[in-house]
Amino acid sequence: MSTSEYNERDIGNVLPIQDYITSIEGQETELVLTSKGRIVGAILTMEQYNWFLDKLDESQDLGFIAERAEDKEGAQSLVDFRKELANDYR
C-alpha cells in the first residue's frame, strides 16, 4: 500500500489491512478503518501515536495538584499531631 493512496479501508476488507500492518514501519499515514461508511477506528504509525500522547499531555491541566499541595487550610503540624496522639494514648 503506497503512501500516495488514501488510507481508508472497510473493516471487512482484511487483505489491505493486513498488508498495511505488515508494512507499518514504512507507513507515513494512519489507516482509517470504516464500517458501513462510518469511521470505527484507526491504526496509527509510531510518530502519530507519540504526537497523540504529546497532545494528551499538553491538554492535561495539572495545576490543581500544585494548588492542593500548597493548600494548608485545616492542616495540622506534625508536632501538634504527635502531641494529640500522645494525649489520646494516656
PDB file of N, CA and C in Angstrom:
ATOM      1  N   MET A   1       0.857  -1.161   0.000  1.00  0.00           N
ATOM      2  CA  MET A   1       0.000   0.000   0.000  1.00  0.00           C
ATOM      3  C   MET A   1       0.903   1.223   0.000  1.00  0.00           C
ATOM      4  N   SER A   2       0.843   2.030  -1.014  1.00  0.00           N
ATOM      5  CA  SER A   2       1.712   3.203  -1.066  1.00  0.00           C
ATOM      6  C   SER A   2       1.126   4.351  -0.275  1.00  0.00           C
ATOM      7  N   THR A   3       1.987   5.288   0.111  1.00  0.00           N
ATOM      8  CA  THR A   3       1.533   6.411   0.912  1.00  0.00           C
ATOM      9  C   THR A   3       0.744   7.417   0.095  1.00  0.00           C
ATOM     10  N   SER A   4       0.766   7.301  -1.237  1.00  0.00           N
ATOM     11  CA  SER A   4       0.007   8.228  -2.067  1.00  0.00           C
ATOM     12  C   SER A   4      -1.472   7.832  -2.123  1.00  0.00           C
ATOM     13  N   GLU A   5      -1.802   6.612  -1.736  1.00  0.00           N
ATOM     14  CA  GLU A   5      -3.190   6.181  -1.688  1.00  0.00           C
ATOM     15  C   GLU A   5      -3.893   6.794  -0.494  1.00  0.00           C
ATOM     16  N   TYR A   6      -5.189   6.943  -0.619  1.00  0.00           N
ATOM     17  CA  TYR A   6      -5.985   7.376   0.520  1.00  0.00           C
ATOM     18  C   TYR A   6      -6.113   6.183   1.439  1.00  0.00           C
ATOM     19  N   ASN A   7      -5.596   6.288   2.646  1.00  0.00           N
ATOM     20  CA  ASN A   7      -5.534   5.153   3.562  1.00  0.00           C
ATOM     21  C   ASN A   7      -6.814   4.999   4.370  1.00  0.00           C
ATOM     22  N   GLU A   8      -7.836   4.505   3.719  1.00  0.00           N
ATOM     23  CA  GLU A   8      -9.082   4.184   4.407  1.00  0.00           C
ATOM     24  C   GLU A   8      -9.556   2.846   3.880  1.00  0.00           C
ATOM     25  N   ARG A   9      -9.917   1.971   4.797  1.00  0.00           N
ATOM     26  CA  ARG A   9     -10.376   0.638   4.396  1.00  0.00           C
ATOM     27  C   ARG A   9     -11.567   0.236   5.245  1.00  0.00           C
ATOM     28  N   ASP A  10     -12.498  -0.466   4.618  1.00  0.00           N
ATOM     29  CA  ASP A  10     -13.617  -1.042   5.345  1.00  0.00           C
ATOM     30  C   ASP A  10     -13.086  -2.228   6.141  1.00  0.00           C
ATOM     31  N   ILE A  11     -13.570  -2.385   7.355  1.00  0.00           N
ATOM     32  CA  ILE A  11     -13.049  -3.458   8.213  1.00  0.00           C
ATOM     33  C   ILE A  11     -13.305  -4.841   7.635  1.00  0.00           C
ATOM     34  N   GLY A  12     -14.216  -4.954   6.694  1.00  0.00           N
ATOM     35  CA  GLY A  12     -14.464  -6.239   6.049  1.00  0.00           C
ATOM     36  C   GLY A  12     -13.433  -6.566   4.980  1.00  0.00           C
ATOM     37  N   ASN A  13     -12.631  -5.578   4.579  1.00  0.00           N
ATOM     38  CA  ASN A  13     -11.622  -5.751   3.541  1.00  0.00           C
ATOM     39  C   ASN A  13     -10.279  -6.034   4.212  1.00  0.00           C
ATOM     40  N   VAL A  14     -10.085  -7.271   4.632  1.00  0.00           N
ATOM     41  CA  VAL A  14      -8.991  -7.653   5.524  1.00  0.00           C
ATOM     42  C   VAL A  14      -7.620  -7.642   4.852  1.00  0.00           C
ATOM     43  N   LEU A  15      -7.499  -8.041   3.619  1.00  0.00           N
ATOM     44  CA  LEU A  15      -6.183  -8.170   2.982  1.00  0.00           C
ATOM     45  C   LEU A  15      -5.409  -6.855   2.936  1.00  0.00           C
ATOM     46  N   PRO A  16      -6.009  -5.737   2.499  1.00  0.00           N
ATOM     47  CA  PRO A  16      -5.235  -4.483   2.522  1.00  0.00           C
ATOM     48  C   PRO A  16      -4.870  -4.048   3.944  1.00  0.00           C
ATOM     49  N   ILE A  17      -5.706  -4.361   4.909  1.00  0.00           N
ATOM     50  CA  ILE A  17      -5.404  -4.021   6.301  1.00  0.00           C
ATOM     51  C   ILE A  17      -4.201  -4.835   6.770  1.00  0.00           C
ATOM     52  N   GLN A  18      -4.182  -6.115   6.445  1.00  0.00           N
ATOM     53  CA  GLN A  18      -3.040  -6.960   6.810  1.00  0.00           C
ATOM     54  C   GLN A  18      -1.761  -6.474   6.136  1.00  0.00           C
ATOM     55  N   ASP A  19      -1.871  -6.071   4.858  1.00  0.00           N
ATOM     56  CA  ASP A  19      -0.704  -5.541   4.149  1.00  0.00           C
ATOM     57  C   ASP A  19      -0.178  -4.281   4.838  1.00  0.00           C
ATOM     58  N   TYR A  20      -1.092  -3.415   5.256  1.00  0.00           N
ATOM     59  CA  TYR A  20      -0.703  -2.183   5.938  1.00  0.00           C
ATOM     60  C   TYR A  20       0.028  -2.513   7.240  1.00  0.00           C
ATOM     61  N   ILE A  21      -0.544  -3.418   8.023  1.00  0.00           N
ATOM     62  CA  ILE A  21       0.050  -3.791   9.306  1.00  0.00           C
ATOM     63  C   ILE A  21       1.435  -4.400   9.101  1.00  0.00           C
ATOM     64  N   THR A  22       1.569  -5.246   8.102  1.00  0.00           N
ATOM     65  CA  THR A  22       2.848  -5.884   7.814  1.00  0.00           C
ATOM     66  C   THR A  22       3.914  -4.852   7.465  1.00  0.00           C
ATOM     67  N   SER A  23       3.508  -3.764   6.812  1.00  0.00           N
ATOM     68  CA  SER A  23       4.476  -2.747   6.395  1.00  0.00           C
ATOM     69  C   SER A  23       4.378  -1.475   7.241  1.00  0.00           C
ATOM     70  N   ILE A  24       3.903  -1.589   8.475  1.00  0.00           N
ATOM     71  CA  ILE A  24       3.649  -0.420   9.327  1.00  0.00           C
ATOM     72  C   ILE A  24       4.899   0.432   9.531  1.00  0.00           C
ATOM     73  N   GLU A  25       6.075  -0.183   9.620  1.00  0.00           N
ATOM     74  CA  GLU A  25       7.293   0.596   9.847  1.00  0.00           C
ATOM     75  C   GLU A  25       7.570   1.575   8.715  1.00  0.00           C
ATOM     76  N   GLY A  26       7.110   1.267   7.519  1.00  0.00           N
ATOM     77  CA  GLY A  26       7.344   2.154   6.372  1.00  0.00           C
ATOM     78  C   GLY A  26       6.194   3.098   6.084  1.00  0.00           C
ATOM     79  N   GLN A  27       5.140   3.018   6.842  1.00  0.00           N
ATOM     80  CA  GLN A  27       3.971   3.856   6.586  1.00  0.00           C
ATOM     81  C   GLN A  27       4.179   5.270   7.116  1.00  0.00           C
ATOM     82  N   GLU A  28       3.617   6.231   6.401  1.00  0.00           N
ATOM     83  CA  GLU A  28       3.714   7.626   6.814  1.00  0.00           C
ATOM     84  C   GLU A  28       2.372   8.176   7.282  1.00  0.00           C
ATOM     85  N   THR A  29       1.299   7.496   6.955  1.00  0.00           N
ATOM     86  CA  THR A  29      -0.025   7.973   7.357  1.00  0.00           C
ATOM     87  C   THR A  29      -0.785   6.859   8.056  1.00  0.00           C
ATOM     88  N   GLU A  30      -1.787   7.268   8.809  1.00  0.00           N
ATOM     89  CA  GLU A  30      -2.619   6.295   9.509  1.00  0.00           C
ATOM     90  C   GLU A  30      -3.495   5.532   8.517  1.00  0.00           C
ATOM     91  N   LEU A  31      -4.061   4.439   9.001  1.00  0.00           N
ATOM     92  CA  LEU A  31      -5.053   3.712   8.220  1.00  0.00           C
ATOM     93  C   LEU A  31      -6.371   3.873   8.951  1.00  0.00           C
ATOM     94  N   VAL A  32      -7.305   4.543   8.304  1.00  0.00           N
ATOM     95  CA  VAL A  32      -8.617   4.765   8.902  1.00  0.00           C
ATOM     96  C   VAL A  32      -9.485   3.550   8.603  1.00  0.00           C
ATOM     97  N   LEU A  33     -10.111   3.009   9.641  1.00  0.00           N
ATOM     98  CA  LEU A  33     -10.961   1.832   9.491  1.00  0.00           C
ATOM     99  C   LEU A  33     -12.424   2.275   9.522  1.00  0.00           C
ATOM    100  N   THR A  34     -13.178   1.821   8.530  1.00  0.00           N
ATOM    101  CA  THR A  34     -14.585   2.200   8.447  1.00  0.00           C
ATOM    102  C   THR A  34     -15.475   0.964   8.416  1.00  0.00           C
ATOM    103  N   SER A  35     -16.726   1.184   8.757  1.00  0.00           N
ATOM    104  CA  SER A  35     -17.738   0.140   8.653  1.00  0.00           C
ATOM    105  C   SER A  35     -19.032   0.812   8.223  1.00  0.00           C
ATOM    106  N   LYS A  36     -19.550   0.403   7.108  1.00  0.00           N
ATOM    107  CA  LYS A  36     -20.778   0.983   6.549  1.00  0.00           C
ATOM    108  C   LYS A  36     -20.663   2.491   6.399  1.00  0.00           C
ATOM    109  N   GLY A  37     -19.465   2.945   5.977  1.00  0.00           N
ATOM    110  CA  GLY A  37     -19.238   4.356   5.725  1.00  0.00           C
ATOM    111  C   GLY A  37     -18.909   5.185   6.956  1.00  0.00           C
ATOM    112  N   ARG A  38     -18.905   4.585   8.134  1.00  0.00           N
ATOM    113  CA  ARG A  38     -18.597   5.310   9.372  1.00  0.00           C
ATOM    114  C   ARG A  38     -17.200   4.943   9.847  1.00  0.00           C
ATOM    115  N   ILE A  39     -16.474   5.918  10.349  1.00  0.00           N
ATOM    116  CA  ILE A  39     -15.156   5.646  10.914  1.00  0.00           C
ATOM    117  C   ILE A  39     -15.342   4.917  12.239  1.00  0.00           C
ATOM    118  N   VAL A  40     -14.677   3.772  12.367  1.00  0.00           N
ATOM    119  CA  VAL A  40     -14.781   2.979  13.595  1.00  0.00           C
ATOM    120  C   VAL A  40     -13.432   2.821  14.301  1.00  0.00           C
ATOM    121  N   GLY A  41     -12.360   3.282  13.684  1.00  0.00           N
ATOM    122  CA  GLY A  41     -11.054   3.154  14.302  1.00  0.00           C
ATOM    123  C   GLY A  41      -9.960   3.614  13.370  1.00  0.00           C
ATOM    124  N   ALA A  42      -8.735   3.473  13.828  1.00  0.00           N
ATOM    125  CA  ALA A  42      -7.582   3.831  13.015  1.00  0.00           C
ATOM    126  C   ALA A  42      -6.360   3.080  13.532  1.00  0.00           C
ATOM    127  N   ILE A  43      -5.445   2.829  12.647  1.00  0.00           N
ATOM    128  CA  ILE A  43      -4.153   2.255  13.019  1.00  0.00           C
ATOM    129  C   ILE A  43      -3.140   3.362  12.788  1.00  0.00           C
ATOM    130  N   LEU A  44      -2.459   3.766  13.861  1.00  0.00           N
ATOM    131  CA  LEU A  44      -1.522   4.878  13.796  1.00  0.00           C
ATOM    132  C   LEU A  44      -0.091   4.404  13.638  1.00  0.00           C
ATOM    133  N   THR A  45       0.717   5.241  13.004  1.00  0.00           N
ATOM    134  CA  THR A  45       2.148   4.986  12.961  1.00  0.00           C
ATOM    135  C   THR A  45       2.733   5.394  14.313  1.00  0.00           C
ATOM    136  N   MET A  46       3.967   5.007  14.580  1.00  0.00           N
ATOM    137  CA  MET A  46       4.608   5.348  15.846  1.00  0.00           C
ATOM    138  C   MET A  46       4.670   6.861  16.033  1.00  0.00           C
ATOM    139  N   GLU A  47       5.025   7.594  14.978  1.00  0.00           N
ATOM    140  CA  GLU A  47       5.122   9.048  15.073  1.00  0.00           C
ATOM    141  C   GLU A  47       3.769   9.658  15.406  1.00  0.00           C
ATOM    142  N   GLN A  48       2.708   9.156  14.787  1.00  0.00           N
ATOM    143  CA  GLN A  48       1.367   9.682  15.066  1.00  0.00           C
ATOM    144  C   GLN A  48       0.939   9.358  16.491  1.00  0.00           C
ATOM    145  N   TYR A  49       1.245   8.174  16.943  1.00  0.00           N
ATOM    146  CA  TYR A  49       0.877   7.776  18.300  1.00  0.00           C
ATOM    147  C   TYR A  49       1.600   8.652  19.320  1.00  0.00           C
ATOM    148  N   ASN A  50       2.908   8.877  19.110  1.00  0.00           N
ATOM    149  CA  ASN A  50       3.670   9.741  20.010  1.00  0.00           C
ATOM    150  C   ASN A  50       3.125  11.163  19.987  1.00  0.00           C
ATOM    151  N   TRP A  51       2.761  11.669  18.807  1.00  0.00           N
ATOM    152  CA  TRP A  51       2.166  13.004  18.693  1.00  0.00           C
ATOM    153  C   TRP A  51       0.860  13.051  19.486  1.00  0.00           C
ATOM    154  N   PHE A  52       0.052  12.007  19.351  1.00  0.00           N
ATOM    155  CA  PHE A  52      -1.219  11.926  20.067  1.00  0.00           C
ATOM    156  C   PHE A  52      -0.991  11.968  21.579  1.00  0.00           C
ATOM    157  N   LEU A  53      -0.037  11.188  22.071  1.00  0.00           N
ATOM    158  CA  LEU A  53       0.271  11.183  23.504  1.00  0.00           C
ATOM    159  C   LEU A  53       0.769  12.545  23.972  1.00  0.00           C
ATOM    160  N   ASP A  54       1.607  13.198  23.147  1.00  0.00           N
ATOM    161  CA  ASP A  54       2.087  14.536  23.494  1.00  0.00           C
ATOM    162  C   ASP A  54       0.931  15.518  23.606  1.00  0.00           C
ATOM    163  N   LYS A  55      -0.018  15.447  22.682  1.00  0.00           N
ATOM    164  CA  LYS A  55      -1.178  16.341  22.718  1.00  0.00           C
ATOM    165  C   LYS A  55      -2.037  16.068  23.945  1.00  0.00           C
ATOM    166  N   LEU A  56      -2.172  14.808  24.323  1.00  0.00           N
ATOM    167  CA  LEU A  56      -2.905  14.485  25.545  1.00  0.00           C
ATOM    168  C   LEU A  56      -2.215  15.095  26.758  1.00  0.00           C
ATOM    169  N   ASP A  57      -0.895  14.938  26.817  1.00  0.00           N
ATOM    170  CA  ASP A  57      -0.131  15.503  27.931  1.00  0.00           C
ATOM    171  C   ASP A  57      -0.277  17.015  27.991  1.00  0.00           C
ATOM    172  N   GLU A  58      -0.246  17.675  26.822  1.00  0.00           N
ATOM    173  CA  GLU A  58      -0.366  19.129  26.778  1.00  0.00           C
ATOM    174  C   GLU A  58      -1.740  19.596  27.249  1.00  0.00           C
ATOM    175  N   SER A  59      -2.749  18.788  27.007  1.00  0.00           N
ATOM    176  CA  SER A  59      -4.107  19.212  27.341  1.00  0.00           C
ATOM    177  C   SER A  59      -4.497  18.909  28.781  1.00  0.00           C
ATOM    178  N   GLN A  60      -3.650  18.171  29.482  1.00  0.00           N
ATOM    179  CA  GLN A  60      -3.940  17.846  30.872  1.00  0.00           C
ATOM    180  C   GLN A  60      -3.673  19.058  31.750  1.00  0.00           C
ATOM    181  N   ASP A  61      -4.650  19.438  32.541  1.00  0.00           N
ATOM    182  CA  ASP A  61      -4.485  20.547  33.475  1.00  0.00           C
ATOM    183  C   ASP A  61      -4.076  19.969  34.819  1.00  0.00           C
ATOM    184  N   LEU A  62      -2.803  20.072  35.106  1.00  0.00           N
ATOM    185  CA  LEU A  62      -2.279  19.518  36.346  1.00  0.00           C
ATOM    186  C   LEU A  62      -2.076  20.602  37.397  1.00  0.00           C
ATOM    187  N   GLY A  63      -2.527  21.810  37.105  1.00  0.00           N
ATOM    188  CA  GLY A  63      -2.376  22.912  38.041  1.00  0.00           C
ATOM    189  C   GLY A  63      -3.042  22.661  39.374  1.00  0.00           C
ATOM    190  N   PHE A  64      -4.124  21.902  39.362  1.00  0.00           N
ATOM    191  CA  PHE A  64      -4.833  21.626  40.608  1.00  0.00           C
ATOM    192  C   PHE A  64      -3.963  20.858  41.604  1.00  0.00           C
ATOM    193  N   ILE A  65      -3.006  20.089  41.107  1.00  0.00           N
ATOM    194  CA  ILE A  65      -2.120  19.343  42.004  1.00  0.00           C
ATOM    195  C   ILE A  65      -1.241  20.316  42.782  1.00  0.00           C
ATOM    196  N   ALA A  66      -0.656  21.285  42.086  1.00  0.00           N
ATOM    197  CA  ALA A  66       0.176  22.276  42.764  1.00  0.00           C
ATOM    198  C   ALA A  66      -0.655  23.079  43.749  1.00  0.00           C
ATOM    199  N   GLU A  67      -1.885  23.433  43.363  1.00  0.00           N
ATOM    200  CA  GLU A  67      -2.761  24.178  44.265  1.00  0.00           C
ATOM    201  C   GLU A  67      -3.054  23.371  45.527  1.00  0.00           C
ATOM    202  N   ARG A  68      -3.343  22.087  45.364  1.00  0.00           N
ATOM    203  CA  ARG A  68      -3.633  21.228  46.524  1.00  0.00           C
ATOM    204  C   ARG A  68      -2.402  21.056  47.405  1.00  0.00           C
ATOM    205  N   ALA A  69      -1.239  20.954  46.813  1.00  0.00           N
ATOM    206  CA  ALA A  69      -0.017  20.768  47.588  1.00  0.00           C
ATOM    207  C   ALA A  69       0.267  21.982  48.466  1.00  0.00           C
ATOM    208  N   GLU A  70      -0.113  23.151  48.007  1.00  0.00           N
ATOM    209  CA  GLU A  70       0.119  24.377  48.765  1.00  0.00           C
ATOM    210  C   GLU A  70      -1.039  24.724  49.697  1.00  0.00           C
ATOM    211  N   ASP A  71      -2.137  24.007  49.610  1.00  0.00           N
ATOM    212  CA  ASP A  71      -3.323  24.285  50.427  1.00  0.00           C
ATOM    213  C   ASP A  71      -3.122  23.700  51.823  1.00  0.00           C
ATOM    214  N   LYS A  72      -2.907  24.590  52.784  1.00  0.00           N
ATOM    215  CA  LYS A  72      -2.663  24.123  54.143  1.00  0.00           C
ATOM    216  C   LYS A  72      -3.840  24.440  55.061  1.00  0.00           C
ATOM    217  N   GLU A  73      -4.941  24.881  54.489  1.00  0.00           N
ATOM    218  CA  GLU A  73      -6.123  25.204  55.296  1.00  0.00           C
ATOM    219  C   GLU A  73      -6.616  23.948  56.009  1.00  0.00           C
ATOM    220  N   GLY A  74      -6.744  24.039  57.311  1.00  0.00           N
ATOM    221  CA  GLY A  74      -7.208  22.910  58.105  1.00  0.00           C
ATOM    222  C   GLY A  74      -6.124  21.886  58.390  1.00  0.00           C
ATOM    223  N   ALA A  75      -4.889  22.171  57.932  1.00  0.00           N
ATOM    224  CA  ALA A  75      -3.799  21.220  58.152  1.00  0.00           C
ATOM    225  C   ALA A  75      -3.280  21.335  59.581  1.00  0.00           C
ATOM    226  N   GLN A  76      -2.660  20.284  60.031  1.00  0.00           N
ATOM    227  CA  GLN A  76      -2.105  20.227  61.382  1.00  0.00           C
ATOM    228  C   GLN A  76      -0.621  19.927  61.262  1.00  0.00           C
ATOM    229  N   SER A  77       0.186  20.595  62.069  1.00  0.00           N
ATOM    230  CA  SER A  77       1.628  20.331  62.018  1.00  0.00           C
ATOM    231  C   SER A  77       1.902  18.942  62.569  1.00  0.00           C
ATOM    232  N   LEU A  78       3.026  18.397  62.196  1.00  0.00           N
ATOM    233  CA  LEU A  78       3.417  17.072  62.673  1.00  0.00           C
ATOM    234  C   LEU A  78       3.628  17.087  64.188  1.00  0.00           C
ATOM    235  N   VAL A  79       4.193  18.160  64.708  1.00  0.00           N
ATOM    236  CA  VAL A  79       4.423  18.283  66.153  1.00  0.00           C
ATOM    237  C   VAL A  79       3.090  18.242  66.897  1.00  0.00           C
ATOM    238  N   ASP A  80       2.109  19.024  66.417  1.00  0.00           N
ATOM    239  CA  ASP A  80       0.788  19.027  67.056  1.00  0.00           C
ATOM    240  C   ASP A  80       0.115  17.667  66.946  1.00  0.00           C
ATOM    241  N   PHE A  81       0.299  17.017  65.811  1.00  0.00           N
ATOM    242  CA  PHE A  81      -0.304  15.687  65.615  1.00  0.00           C
ATOM    243  C   PHE A  81       0.274  14.685  66.606  1.00  0.00           C
ATOM    244  N   ARG A  82       1.581  14.735  66.809  1.00  0.00           N
ATOM    245  CA  ARG A  82       2.227  13.825  67.766  1.00  0.00           C
ATOM    246  C   ARG A  82       1.737  14.098  69.186  1.00  0.00           C
ATOM    247  N   LYS A  83       1.588  15.378  69.531  1.00  0.00           N
ATOM    248  CA  LYS A  83       1.073  15.727  70.858  1.00  0.00           C
ATOM    249  C   LYS A  83      -0.340  15.179  71.039  1.00  0.00           C
ATOM    250  N   GLU A  84      -1.144  15.322  70.011  1.00  0.00           N
ATOM    251  CA  GLU A  84      -2.523  14.835  70.084  1.00  0.00           C
ATOM    252  C   GLU A  84      -2.554  13.323  70.244  1.00  0.00           C
ATOM    253  N   LEU A  85      -1.701  12.639  69.507  1.00  0.00           N
ATOM    254  CA  LEU A  85      -1.628  11.177  69.638  1.00  0.00           C
ATOM    255  C   LEU A  85      -1.179  10.771  71.030  1.00  0.00           C
ATOM    256  N   ALA A  86      -0.209  11.480  71.565  1.00  0.00           N
ATOM    257  CA  ALA A  86       0.278  11.167  72.912  1.00  0.00           C
ATOM    258  C   ALA A  86      -0.803  11.363  73.936  1.00  0.00           C
ATOM    259  N   ASN A  87      -1.599  12.409  73.783  1.00  0.00           N
ATOM    260  CA  ASN A  87      -2.699  12.672  74.707  1.00  0.00           C
ATOM    261  C   ASN A  87      -3.789  11.600  74.586  1.00  0.00           C
ATOM    262  N   ASP A  88      -4.016  11.116  73.378  1.00  0.00           N
ATOM    263  CA  ASP A  88      -5.065  10.099  73.158  1.00  0.00           C
ATOM    264  C   ASP A  88      -4.678   8.768  73.803  1.00  0.00           C
ATOM    265  N   TYR A  89      -3.384   8.501  73.944  1.00  0.00           N
ATOM    266  CA  TYR A  89      -2.957   7.207  74.489  1.00  0.00           C
ATOM    267  C   TYR A  89      -2.537   7.279  75.943  1.00  0.00           C
ATOM    268  N   ARG A  90      -2.887   8.356  76.646  1.00  0.00           N
ATOM    269  CA  ARG A  90      -2.578   8.464  78.087  1.00  0.00           C
ATOM    270  C   ARG A  90      -3.673   7.879  78.903  1.00  0.00           C
TER     271      ARG A  90
END
